Protein backbone atom coordinates (compact mmCIF):
# COMPACT_ATOMS: atom_id res chain seq x y z
CA UNK A 1 0.00 0.00 0.00
CA UNK A 2 1.41 3.36 -1.02
CA UNK A 3 2.15 6.20 1.35
CA UNK A 4 0.31 8.73 -0.81
CA UNK A 5 1.67 12.05 -1.94
CA UNK A 6 3.95 14.32 -0.03
CA UNK A 7 4.86 17.83 -1.04
CA UNK A 8 6.81 20.21 1.12
CA UNK A 9 6.37 23.99 0.91
CA UNK A 10 9.94 24.32 -0.36
CA UNK A 11 9.05 22.35 -3.48
CA UNK A 12 6.27 24.79 -4.35
CA UNK A 13 8.58 27.74 -3.67
CA UNK A 14 11.13 26.17 -6.03
CA UNK A 15 8.57 25.66 -8.78
CA UNK A 16 7.33 29.23 -8.45
CA UNK A 17 10.90 30.52 -8.51
CA UNK A 18 11.82 28.57 -11.65
CA UNK A 19 8.70 29.80 -13.43
CA UNK A 20 9.57 33.37 -12.48
CA UNK A 21 13.16 32.89 -13.67
CA UNK A 22 11.95 31.54 -17.02
CA UNK A 23 9.61 34.48 -17.41
CA UNK A 24 12.41 36.90 -16.62
CA UNK A 25 14.69 35.28 -19.18
CA UNK A 26 12.04 35.54 -21.88
CA UNK A 27 11.33 39.17 -21.03
CA UNK A 28 15.06 39.86 -21.02
CA UNK A 29 15.20 38.92 -24.68
CA UNK A 30 12.71 41.62 -25.70
CA UNK A 31 15.44 44.12 -26.57
CA UNK A 32 17.22 41.68 -28.85
CA UNK A 33 14.55 41.54 -31.55
CA UNK A 34 15.93 42.90 -34.82
CA UNK A 35 14.14 45.86 -36.38
CA UNK A 36 14.15 46.93 -39.99
CA UNK A 37 15.05 43.54 -41.43
CA UNK A 38 16.25 43.78 -45.02
CA UNK A 39 15.91 40.39 -46.65
CA UNK A 40 14.99 41.48 -50.14
CA UNK A 41 11.91 39.68 -51.39
CA UNK A 42 11.66 37.77 -48.12
CA UNK A 43 11.54 40.87 -45.91
CA UNK A 44 7.75 40.71 -45.46
CA UNK A 45 7.59 37.02 -44.56
CA UNK A 46 10.58 37.25 -42.23
CA UNK A 47 9.09 40.29 -40.46
CA UNK A 48 5.82 38.35 -40.11
CA UNK A 49 7.64 35.39 -38.56
CA UNK A 50 9.53 37.67 -36.16
CA UNK A 51 6.33 39.45 -35.21
CA UNK A 52 4.60 36.15 -34.53
CA UNK A 53 7.55 34.91 -32.50
CA UNK A 54 7.59 38.06 -30.36
CA UNK A 55 3.83 37.86 -29.82
CA UNK A 56 4.02 34.19 -28.85
CA UNK A 57 6.91 34.85 -26.47
CA UNK A 58 4.93 37.63 -24.80
CA UNK A 59 1.92 35.34 -24.40
CA UNK A 60 4.13 32.57 -23.03
CA UNK A 61 5.70 34.99 -20.55
CA UNK A 62 2.25 36.07 -19.39
CA UNK A 63 1.20 32.44 -19.04
CA UNK A 64 4.30 31.64 -16.98
CA UNK A 65 3.40 34.51 -14.65
CA UNK A 66 -0.14 33.17 -14.33
CA UNK A 67 1.06 29.66 -13.55
CA UNK A 68 3.52 31.05 -10.98
CA UNK A 69 0.63 32.91 -9.34
CA UNK A 70 -1.43 29.70 -9.33
CA UNK A 71 1.42 27.78 -7.70
CA UNK A 72 1.70 30.51 -5.06
CA UNK A 73 -2.06 30.35 -4.40
CA UNK A 74 -1.81 26.55 -4.13
CA UNK A 75 1.00 26.88 -1.61
CA UNK A 76 -1.12 29.24 0.48
CA UNK A 77 -4.02 26.76 0.33
CA UNK A 78 -1.67 23.91 1.24
CA UNK A 79 -0.30 25.91 4.20
CA UNK A 80 -3.83 26.78 5.36
CA UNK A 81 -4.96 23.14 5.20
CA UNK A 82 -1.84 22.02 7.08
CA UNK A 83 -2.35 24.65 9.78
CA UNK A 84 -6.04 23.77 10.14
CA UNK A 85 -5.20 20.07 10.43
CA UNK A 86 -2.56 20.74 13.09
CA UNK A 87 -4.98 22.95 15.04
CA UNK A 88 -7.72 20.29 14.91
CA UNK A 89 -5.33 17.56 15.97
CA UNK A 90 -4.14 19.76 18.83
CA UNK A 91 -7.76 20.27 19.99
CA UNK A 92 -8.55 16.53 19.68
CA UNK A 93 -5.56 15.76 21.88
CA UNK A 94 -6.91 18.12 24.47
CA UNK A 95 -4.62 21.04 23.74
CA UNK A 96 -1.43 19.14 24.55
PDB file of N, CA and C in Angstrom:
ATOM      1  N   UNK A   1       0.845  -1.177   0.000  1.00  0.00           N
ATOM      2  CA  UNK A   1       0.000   0.000   0.000  1.00  0.00           C
ATOM      3  C   UNK A   1       0.889   1.238   0.000  1.00  0.00           C
ATOM      4  N   UNK A   2       0.599   2.164  -0.885  1.00  0.00           N
ATOM      5  CA  UNK A   2       1.413   3.363  -1.017  1.00  0.00           C
ATOM      6  C   UNK A   2       1.230   4.332   0.134  1.00  0.00           C
ATOM      7  N   UNK A   3       2.203   5.200   0.294  1.00  0.00           N
ATOM      8  CA  UNK A   3       2.149   6.203   1.353  1.00  0.00           C
ATOM      9  C   UNK A   3       1.370   7.440   0.920  1.00  0.00           C
ATOM     10  N   UNK A   4       1.002   7.538  -0.333  1.00  0.00           N
ATOM     11  CA  UNK A   4       0.314   8.731  -0.806  1.00  0.00           C
ATOM     12  C   UNK A   4       1.313   9.756  -1.299  1.00  0.00           C
ATOM     13  N   UNK A   5       0.844  10.973  -1.414  1.00  0.00           N
ATOM     14  CA  UNK A   5       1.671  12.048  -1.944  1.00  0.00           C
ATOM     15  C   UNK A   5       2.189  12.911  -0.814  1.00  0.00           C
ATOM     16  N   UNK A   6       3.374  13.417  -1.010  1.00  0.00           N
ATOM     17  CA  UNK A   6       3.949  14.322  -0.026  1.00  0.00           C
ATOM     18  C   UNK A   6       4.621  15.457  -0.782  1.00  0.00           C
ATOM     19  N   UNK A   7       4.319  16.661  -0.367  1.00  0.00           N
ATOM     20  CA  UNK A   7       4.860  17.826  -1.044  1.00  0.00           C
ATOM     21  C   UNK A   7       5.163  18.879   0.006  1.00  0.00           C
ATOM     22  N   UNK A   8       6.430  19.186   0.161  1.00  0.00           N
ATOM     23  CA  UNK A   8       6.813  20.209   1.122  1.00  0.00           C
ATOM     24  C   UNK A   8       6.689  21.603   0.527  1.00  0.00           C
ATOM     25  N   UNK A   9       6.494  22.610   1.385  1.00  0.00           N
ATOM     26  CA  UNK A   9       6.367  23.989   0.911  1.00  0.00           C
ATOM     27  C   UNK A   9       7.572  24.449   0.092  1.00  0.00           C
ATOM     28  N   UNK A  10       8.738  23.946   0.385  1.00  0.00           N
ATOM     29  CA  UNK A  10       9.937  24.324  -0.362  1.00  0.00           C
ATOM     30  C   UNK A  10       9.866  23.922  -1.827  1.00  0.00           C
ATOM     31  N   UNK A  11       9.203  22.812  -2.092  1.00  0.00           N
ATOM     32  CA  UNK A  11       9.054  22.352  -3.480  1.00  0.00           C
ATOM     33  C   UNK A  11       8.221  23.360  -4.266  1.00  0.00           C
ATOM     34  N   UNK A  12       7.122  23.814  -3.671  1.00  0.00           N
ATOM     35  CA  UNK A  12       6.274  24.795  -4.346  1.00  0.00           C
ATOM     36  C   UNK A  12       7.004  26.117  -4.528  1.00  0.00           C
ATOM     37  N   UNK A  13       7.782  26.517  -3.533  1.00  0.00           N
ATOM     38  CA  UNK A  13       8.583  27.740  -3.674  1.00  0.00           C
ATOM     39  C   UNK A  13       9.574  27.598  -4.823  1.00  0.00           C
ATOM     40  N   UNK A  14      10.174  26.411  -4.956  1.00  0.00           N
ATOM     41  CA  UNK A  14      11.129  26.165  -6.031  1.00  0.00           C
ATOM     42  C   UNK A  14      10.473  26.218  -7.405  1.00  0.00           C
ATOM     43  N   UNK A  15       9.291  25.633  -7.510  1.00  0.00           N
ATOM     44  CA  UNK A  15       8.569  25.660  -8.781  1.00  0.00           C
ATOM     45  C   UNK A  15       8.223  27.097  -9.155  1.00  0.00           C
ATOM     46  N   UNK A  16       7.700  27.833  -8.186  1.00  0.00           N
ATOM     47  CA  UNK A  16       7.335  29.232  -8.448  1.00  0.00           C
ATOM     48  C   UNK A  16       8.559  30.035  -8.859  1.00  0.00           C
ATOM     49  N   UNK A  17       9.670  29.805  -8.194  1.00  0.00           N
ATOM     50  CA  UNK A  17      10.899  30.519  -8.510  1.00  0.00           C
ATOM     51  C   UNK A  17      11.393  30.211  -9.925  1.00  0.00           C
ATOM     52  N   UNK A  18      11.358  28.945 -10.309  1.00  0.00           N
ATOM     53  CA  UNK A  18      11.816  28.568 -11.655  1.00  0.00           C
ATOM     54  C   UNK A  18      10.916  29.157 -12.736  1.00  0.00           C
ATOM     55  N   UNK A  19       9.615  29.182 -12.475  1.00  0.00           N
ATOM     56  CA  UNK A  19       8.695  29.796 -13.435  1.00  0.00           C
ATOM     57  C   UNK A  19       8.988  31.292 -13.570  1.00  0.00           C
ATOM     58  N   UNK A  20       9.240  31.942 -12.447  1.00  0.00           N
ATOM     59  CA  UNK A  20       9.575  33.370 -12.476  1.00  0.00           C
ATOM     60  C   UNK A  20      10.886  33.622 -13.198  1.00  0.00           C
ATOM     61  N   UNK A  21      11.870  32.753 -12.967  1.00  0.00           N
ATOM     62  CA  UNK A  21      13.160  32.888 -13.668  1.00  0.00           C
ATOM     63  C   UNK A  21      12.986  32.738 -15.177  1.00  0.00           C
ATOM     64  N   UNK A  22      12.188  31.754 -15.581  1.00  0.00           N
ATOM     65  CA  UNK A  22      11.950  31.537 -17.016  1.00  0.00           C
ATOM     66  C   UNK A  22      11.265  32.751 -17.628  1.00  0.00           C
ATOM     67  N   UNK A  23      10.298  33.291 -16.900  1.00  0.00           N
ATOM     68  CA  UNK A  23       9.606  34.479 -17.407  1.00  0.00           C
ATOM     69  C   UNK A  23      10.583  35.650 -17.548  1.00  0.00           C
ATOM     70  N   UNK A  24      11.432  35.825 -16.569  1.00  0.00           N
ATOM     71  CA  UNK A  24      12.414  36.896 -16.624  1.00  0.00           C
ATOM     72  C   UNK A  24      13.381  36.745 -17.785  1.00  0.00           C
ATOM     73  N   UNK A  25      13.783  35.510 -18.062  1.00  0.00           N
ATOM     74  CA  UNK A  25      14.692  35.277 -19.184  1.00  0.00           C
ATOM     75  C   UNK A  25      14.023  35.599 -20.514  1.00  0.00           C
ATOM     76  N   UNK A  26      12.764  35.227 -20.639  1.00  0.00           N
ATOM     77  CA  UNK A  26      12.042  35.539 -21.876  1.00  0.00           C
ATOM     78  C   UNK A  26      11.900  37.050 -22.031  1.00  0.00           C
ATOM     79  N   UNK A  27      11.503  37.718 -20.960  1.00  0.00           N
ATOM     80  CA  UNK A  27      11.331  39.169 -21.034  1.00  0.00           C
ATOM     81  C   UNK A  27      12.662  39.880 -21.267  1.00  0.00           C
ATOM     82  N   UNK A  28      13.751  39.282 -20.800  1.00  0.00           N
ATOM     83  CA  UNK A  28      15.064  39.858 -21.016  1.00  0.00           C
ATOM     84  C   UNK A  28      15.497  39.841 -22.474  1.00  0.00           C
ATOM     85  N   UNK A  29      14.872  39.011 -23.257  1.00  0.00           N
ATOM     86  CA  UNK A  29      15.197  38.924 -24.683  1.00  0.00           C
ATOM     87  C   UNK A  29      14.478  39.982 -25.520  1.00  0.00           C
ATOM     88  N   UNK A  30      13.546  40.707 -24.921  1.00  0.00           N
ATOM     89  CA  UNK A  30      12.706  41.617 -25.699  1.00  0.00           C
ATOM     90  C   UNK A  30      13.506  42.687 -26.437  1.00  0.00           C
ATOM     91  N   UNK A  31      14.628  43.108 -25.893  1.00  0.00           N
ATOM     92  CA  UNK A  31      15.437  44.121 -26.565  1.00  0.00           C
ATOM     93  C   UNK A  31      16.311  43.576 -27.677  1.00  0.00           C
ATOM     94  N   UNK A  32      16.324  42.274 -27.854  1.00  0.00           N
ATOM     95  CA  UNK A  32      17.218  41.681 -28.853  1.00  0.00           C
ATOM     96  C   UNK A  32      16.524  41.384 -30.177  1.00  0.00           C
ATOM     97  N   UNK A  33      15.278  41.789 -30.312  1.00  0.00           N
ATOM     98  CA  UNK A  33      14.547  41.541 -31.547  1.00  0.00           C
ATOM     99  C   UNK A  33      15.028  42.515 -32.616  1.00  0.00           C
ATOM    100  N   UNK A  34      15.451  42.002 -33.759  1.00  0.00           N
ATOM    101  CA  UNK A  34      15.933  42.900 -34.818  1.00  0.00           C
ATOM    102  C   UNK A  34      14.794  43.724 -35.419  1.00  0.00           C
ATOM    103  N   UNK A  35      15.115  44.954 -35.749  1.00  0.00           N
ATOM    104  CA  UNK A  35      14.141  45.856 -36.383  1.00  0.00           C
ATOM    105  C   UNK A  35      14.655  46.225 -37.765  1.00  0.00           C
ATOM    106  N   UNK A  36      13.751  46.505 -38.653  1.00  0.00           N
ATOM    107  CA  UNK A  36      14.149  46.935 -39.987  1.00  0.00           C
ATOM    108  C   UNK A  36      14.907  45.869 -40.748  1.00  0.00           C
ATOM    109  N   UNK A  37      14.405  44.656 -40.727  1.00  0.00           N
ATOM    110  CA  UNK A  37      15.050  43.545 -41.427  1.00  0.00           C
ATOM    111  C   UNK A  37      15.024  43.813 -42.938  1.00  0.00           C
ATOM    112  N   UNK A  38      16.176  43.640 -43.562  1.00  0.00           N
ATOM    113  CA  UNK A  38      16.249  43.782 -45.021  1.00  0.00           C
ATOM    114  C   UNK A  38      16.650  42.432 -45.591  1.00  0.00           C
ATOM    115  N   UNK A  39      15.652  41.713 -46.088  1.00  0.00           N
ATOM    116  CA  UNK A  39      15.909  40.392 -46.654  1.00  0.00           C
ATOM    117  C   UNK A  39      15.400  40.320 -48.086  1.00  0.00           C
ATOM    118  N   UNK A  40      15.428  41.462 -48.744  1.00  0.00           N
ATOM    119  CA  UNK A  40      14.986  41.481 -50.139  1.00  0.00           C
ATOM    120  C   UNK A  40      13.537  41.068 -50.267  1.00  0.00           C
ATOM    121  N   UNK A  41      13.283  40.140 -51.151  1.00  0.00           N
ATOM    122  CA  UNK A  41      11.915  39.684 -51.393  1.00  0.00           C
ATOM    123  C   UNK A  41      11.305  38.965 -50.190  1.00  0.00           C
ATOM    124  N   UNK A  42      12.155  38.503 -49.289  1.00  0.00           N
ATOM    125  CA  UNK A  42      11.660  37.774 -48.124  1.00  0.00           C
ATOM    126  C   UNK A  42      11.475  38.662 -46.903  1.00  0.00           C
ATOM    127  N   UNK A  43      11.665  39.968 -47.047  1.00  0.00           N
ATOM    128  CA  UNK A  43      11.535  40.871 -45.912  1.00  0.00           C
ATOM    129  C   UNK A  43      10.166  40.748 -45.249  1.00  0.00           C
ATOM    130  N   UNK A  44       9.113  40.799 -46.014  1.00  0.00           N
ATOM    131  CA  UNK A  44       7.752  40.706 -45.459  1.00  0.00           C
ATOM    132  C   UNK A  44       7.516  39.417 -44.692  1.00  0.00           C
ATOM    133  N   UNK A  45       7.802  38.268 -45.293  1.00  0.00           N
ATOM    134  CA  UNK A  45       7.590  37.016 -44.563  1.00  0.00           C
ATOM    135  C   UNK A  45       8.468  36.896 -43.311  1.00  0.00           C
ATOM    136  N   UNK A  46       9.697  37.344 -43.397  1.00  0.00           N
ATOM    137  CA  UNK A  46      10.582  37.254 -42.228  1.00  0.00           C
ATOM    138  C   UNK A  46      10.083  38.169 -41.121  1.00  0.00           C
ATOM    139  N   UNK A  47       9.638  39.389 -41.468  1.00  0.00           N
ATOM    140  CA  UNK A  47       9.086  40.286 -40.458  1.00  0.00           C
ATOM    141  C   UNK A  47       7.827  39.689 -39.833  1.00  0.00           C
ATOM    142  N   UNK A  48       7.028  38.994 -40.634  1.00  0.00           N
ATOM    143  CA  UNK A  48       5.819  38.353 -40.108  1.00  0.00           C
ATOM    144  C   UNK A  48       6.176  37.240 -39.123  1.00  0.00           C
ATOM    145  N   UNK A  49       7.190  36.460 -39.449  1.00  0.00           N
ATOM    146  CA  UNK A  49       7.637  35.390 -38.557  1.00  0.00           C
ATOM    147  C   UNK A  49       8.171  35.986 -37.256  1.00  0.00           C
ATOM    148  N   UNK A  50       8.997  37.028 -37.356  1.00  0.00           N
ATOM    149  CA  UNK A  50       9.530  37.672 -36.159  1.00  0.00           C
ATOM    150  C   UNK A  50       8.418  38.262 -35.293  1.00  0.00           C
ATOM    151  N   UNK A  51       7.457  38.878 -35.938  1.00  0.00           N
ATOM    152  CA  UNK A  51       6.327  39.452 -35.214  1.00  0.00           C
ATOM    153  C   UNK A  51       5.548  38.368 -34.476  1.00  0.00           C
ATOM    154  N   UNK A  52       5.309  37.270 -35.149  1.00  0.00           N
ATOM    155  CA  UNK A  52       4.599  36.149 -34.530  1.00  0.00           C
ATOM    156  C   UNK A  52       5.398  35.568 -33.367  1.00  0.00           C
ATOM    157  N   UNK A  53       6.688  35.438 -33.547  1.00  0.00           N
ATOM    158  CA  UNK A  53       7.554  34.909 -32.504  1.00  0.00           C
ATOM    159  C   UNK A  53       7.527  35.808 -31.269  1.00  0.00           C
ATOM    160  N   UNK A  54       7.610  37.109 -31.479  1.00  0.00           N
ATOM    161  CA  UNK A  54       7.588  38.059 -30.358  1.00  0.00           C
ATOM    162  C   UNK A  54       6.241  37.995 -29.639  1.00  0.00           C
ATOM    163  N   UNK A  55       5.162  37.939 -30.412  1.00  0.00           N
ATOM    164  CA  UNK A  55       3.827  37.862 -29.816  1.00  0.00           C
ATOM    165  C   UNK A  55       3.654  36.579 -29.005  1.00  0.00           C
ATOM    166  N   UNK A  56       4.113  35.470 -29.562  1.00  0.00           N
ATOM    167  CA  UNK A  56       4.015  34.193 -28.851  1.00  0.00           C
ATOM    168  C   UNK A  56       4.873  34.185 -27.594  1.00  0.00           C
ATOM    169  N   UNK A  57       6.045  34.775 -27.650  1.00  0.00           N
ATOM    170  CA  UNK A  57       6.908  34.847 -26.469  1.00  0.00           C
ATOM    171  C   UNK A  57       6.249  35.689 -25.383  1.00  0.00           C
ATOM    172  N   UNK A  58       5.619  36.790 -25.770  1.00  0.00           N
ATOM    173  CA  UNK A  58       4.927  37.632 -24.795  1.00  0.00           C
ATOM    174  C   UNK A  58       3.774  36.871 -24.147  1.00  0.00           C
ATOM    175  N   UNK A  59       3.025  36.128 -24.945  1.00  0.00           N
ATOM    176  CA  UNK A  59       1.922  35.340 -24.399  1.00  0.00           C
ATOM    177  C   UNK A  59       2.440  34.236 -23.479  1.00  0.00           C
ATOM    178  N   UNK A  60       3.533  33.628 -23.853  1.00  0.00           N
ATOM    179  CA  UNK A  60       4.132  32.573 -23.030  1.00  0.00           C
ATOM    180  C   UNK A  60       4.621  33.156 -21.705  1.00  0.00           C
ATOM    181  N   UNK A  61       5.229  34.321 -21.766  1.00  0.00           N
ATOM    182  CA  UNK A  61       5.695  34.990 -20.554  1.00  0.00           C
ATOM    183  C   UNK A  61       4.525  35.295 -19.617  1.00  0.00           C
ATOM    184  N   UNK A  62       3.438  35.788 -20.190  1.00  0.00           N
ATOM    185  CA  UNK A  62       2.251  36.074 -19.389  1.00  0.00           C
ATOM    186  C   UNK A  62       1.700  34.790 -18.763  1.00  0.00           C
ATOM    187  N   UNK A  63       1.687  33.719 -19.541  1.00  0.00           N
ATOM    188  CA  UNK A  63       1.202  32.438 -19.038  1.00  0.00           C
ATOM    189  C   UNK A  63       2.084  31.923 -17.905  1.00  0.00           C
ATOM    190  N   UNK A  64       3.394  32.066 -18.050  1.00  0.00           N
ATOM    191  CA  UNK A  64       4.302  31.645 -16.980  1.00  0.00           C
ATOM    192  C   UNK A  64       4.003  32.408 -15.696  1.00  0.00           C
ATOM    193  N   UNK A  65       3.742  33.709 -15.823  1.00  0.00           N
ATOM    194  CA  UNK A  65       3.395  34.506 -14.652  1.00  0.00           C
ATOM    195  C   UNK A  65       2.105  34.022 -14.016  1.00  0.00           C
ATOM    196  N   UNK A  66       1.128  33.682 -14.854  1.00  0.00           N
ATOM    197  CA  UNK A  66      -0.138  33.170 -14.329  1.00  0.00           C
ATOM    198  C   UNK A  66       0.021  31.838 -13.620  1.00  0.00           C
ATOM    199  N   UNK A  67       0.823  30.963 -14.185  1.00  0.00           N
ATOM    200  CA  UNK A  67       1.062  29.661 -13.547  1.00  0.00           C
ATOM    201  C   UNK A  67       1.821  29.850 -12.233  1.00  0.00           C
ATOM    202  N   UNK A  68       2.791  30.754 -12.218  1.00  0.00           N
ATOM    203  CA  UNK A  68       3.523  31.046 -10.978  1.00  0.00           C
ATOM    204  C   UNK A  68       2.563  31.558  -9.903  1.00  0.00           C
ATOM    205  N   UNK A  69       1.633  32.420 -10.296  1.00  0.00           N
ATOM    206  CA  UNK A  69       0.627  32.912  -9.344  1.00  0.00           C
ATOM    207  C   UNK A  69      -0.248  31.769  -8.837  1.00  0.00           C
ATOM    208  N   UNK A  70      -0.615  30.848  -9.731  1.00  0.00           N
ATOM    209  CA  UNK A  70      -1.426  29.696  -9.326  1.00  0.00           C
ATOM    210  C   UNK A  70      -0.670  28.788  -8.355  1.00  0.00           C
ATOM    211  N   UNK A  71       0.611  28.588  -8.605  1.00  0.00           N
ATOM    212  CA  UNK A  71       1.423  27.777  -7.695  1.00  0.00           C
ATOM    213  C   UNK A  71       1.491  28.456  -6.325  1.00  0.00           C
ATOM    214  N   UNK A  72       1.658  29.770  -6.316  1.00  0.00           N
ATOM    215  CA  UNK A  72       1.701  30.510  -5.057  1.00  0.00           C
ATOM    216  C   UNK A  72       0.371  30.383  -4.312  1.00  0.00           C
ATOM    217  N   UNK A  73      -0.738  30.502  -5.029  1.00  0.00           N
ATOM    218  CA  UNK A  73      -2.056  30.348  -4.401  1.00  0.00           C
ATOM    219  C   UNK A  73      -2.228  28.928  -3.855  1.00  0.00           C
ATOM    220  N   UNK A  74      -1.733  27.940  -4.591  1.00  0.00           N
ATOM    221  CA  UNK A  74      -1.813  26.551  -4.131  1.00  0.00           C
ATOM    222  C   UNK A  74      -1.006  26.356  -2.858  1.00  0.00           C
ATOM    223  N   UNK A  75       0.165  26.986  -2.810  1.00  0.00           N
ATOM    224  CA  UNK A  75       1.003  26.883  -1.610  1.00  0.00           C
ATOM    225  C   UNK A  75       0.287  27.487  -0.413  1.00  0.00           C
ATOM    226  N   UNK A  76      -0.372  28.617  -0.618  1.00  0.00           N
ATOM    227  CA  UNK A  76      -1.119  29.245   0.481  1.00  0.00           C
ATOM    228  C   UNK A  76      -2.257  28.341   0.940  1.00  0.00           C
ATOM    229  N   UNK A  77      -2.956  27.707  -0.016  1.00  0.00           N
ATOM    230  CA  UNK A  77      -4.018  26.762   0.334  1.00  0.00           C
ATOM    231  C   UNK A  77      -3.444  25.568   1.097  1.00  0.00           C
ATOM    232  N   UNK A  78      -2.335  25.050   0.607  1.00  0.00           N
ATOM    233  CA  UNK A  78      -1.670  23.914   1.243  1.00  0.00           C
ATOM    234  C   UNK A  78      -1.279  24.275   2.674  1.00  0.00           C
ATOM    235  N   UNK A  79      -0.696  25.458   2.862  1.00  0.00           N
ATOM    236  CA  UNK A  79      -0.301  25.912   4.195  1.00  0.00           C
ATOM    237  C   UNK A  79      -1.518  26.062   5.106  1.00  0.00           C
ATOM    238  N   UNK A  80      -2.612  26.597   4.558  1.00  0.00           N
ATOM    239  CA  UNK A  80      -3.828  26.783   5.355  1.00  0.00           C
ATOM    240  C   UNK A  80      -4.390  25.432   5.787  1.00  0.00           C
ATOM    241  N   UNK A  81      -4.448  24.470   4.873  1.00  0.00           N
ATOM    242  CA  UNK A  81      -4.963  23.141   5.203  1.00  0.00           C
ATOM    243  C   UNK A  81      -4.076  22.476   6.252  1.00  0.00           C
ATOM    244  N   UNK A  82      -2.773  22.600   6.105  1.00  0.00           N
ATOM    245  CA  UNK A  82      -1.843  22.019   7.081  1.00  0.00           C
ATOM    246  C   UNK A  82      -2.038  22.639   8.467  1.00  0.00           C
ATOM    247  N   UNK A  83      -2.157  23.956   8.500  1.00  0.00           N
ATOM    248  CA  UNK A  83      -2.352  24.649   9.775  1.00  0.00           C
ATOM    249  C   UNK A  83      -3.670  24.248  10.413  1.00  0.00           C
ATOM    250  N   UNK A  84      -4.730  24.190   9.617  1.00  0.00           N
ATOM    251  CA  UNK A  84      -6.036  23.773  10.136  1.00  0.00           C
ATOM    252  C   UNK A  84      -5.973  22.351  10.690  1.00  0.00           C
ATOM    253  N   UNK A  85      -5.313  21.462   9.976  1.00  0.00           N
ATOM    254  CA  UNK A  85      -5.202  20.070  10.431  1.00  0.00           C
ATOM    255  C   UNK A  85      -4.422  19.987  11.742  1.00  0.00           C
ATOM    256  N   UNK A  86      -3.347  20.736  11.845  1.00  0.00           N
ATOM    257  CA  UNK A  86      -2.562  20.739  13.088  1.00  0.00           C
ATOM    258  C   UNK A  86      -3.383  21.283  14.244  1.00  0.00           C
ATOM    259  N   UNK A  87      -4.130  22.357  13.990  1.00  0.00           N
ATOM    260  CA  UNK A  87      -4.976  22.947  15.040  1.00  0.00           C
ATOM    261  C   UNK A  87      -6.050  21.966  15.500  1.00  0.00           C
ATOM    262  N   UNK A  88      -6.681  21.270  14.555  1.00  0.00           N
ATOM    263  CA  UNK A  88      -7.718  20.293  14.910  1.00  0.00           C
ATOM    264  C   UNK A  88      -7.125  19.128  15.695  1.00  0.00           C
ATOM    265  N   UNK A  89      -5.990  18.652  15.272  1.00  0.00           N
ATOM    266  CA  UNK A  89      -5.334  17.559  15.973  1.00  0.00           C
ATOM    267  C   UNK A  89      -4.960  17.992  17.385  1.00  0.00           C
ATOM    268  N   UNK A  90      -4.503  19.211  17.517  1.00  0.00           N
ATOM    269  CA  UNK A  90      -4.140  19.760  18.827  1.00  0.00           C
ATOM    270  C   UNK A  90      -5.373  19.796  19.738  1.00  0.00           C
ATOM    271  N   UNK A  91      -6.519  20.217  19.190  1.00  0.00           N
ATOM    272  CA  UNK A  91      -7.763  20.268  19.993  1.00  0.00           C
ATOM    273  C   UNK A  91      -8.238  18.860  20.356  1.00  0.00           C
ATOM    274  N   UNK A  92      -8.131  17.909  19.422  1.00  0.00           N
ATOM    275  CA  UNK A  92      -8.552  16.534  19.680  1.00  0.00           C
ATOM    276  C   UNK A  92      -7.709  15.928  20.805  1.00  0.00           C
ATOM    277  N   UNK A  93      -6.461  16.281  20.847  1.00  0.00           N
ATOM    278  CA  UNK A  93      -5.562  15.762  21.881  1.00  0.00           C
ATOM    279  C   UNK A  93      -5.720  16.507  23.200  1.00  0.00           C
ATOM    280  N   UNK A  94      -6.650  17.412  23.236  1.00  0.00           N
ATOM    281  CA  UNK A  94      -6.906  18.122  24.473  1.00  0.00           C
ATOM    282  C   UNK A  94      -5.984  19.307  24.689  1.00  0.00           C
ATOM    283  N   UNK A  95      -5.470  19.853  23.625  1.00  0.00           N
ATOM    284  CA  UNK A  95      -4.619  21.043  23.740  1.00  0.00           C
ATOM    285  C   UNK A  95      -3.209  20.758  24.184  1.00  0.00           C
ATOM    286  N   UNK A  96      -2.791  19.496  24.112  1.00  0.00           N
ATOM    287  CA  UNK A  96      -1.430  19.137  24.550  1.00  0.00           C
ATOM    288  C   UNK A  96      -0.473  19.164  23.383  1.00  0.00           C
TER     289      UNK A  96
END
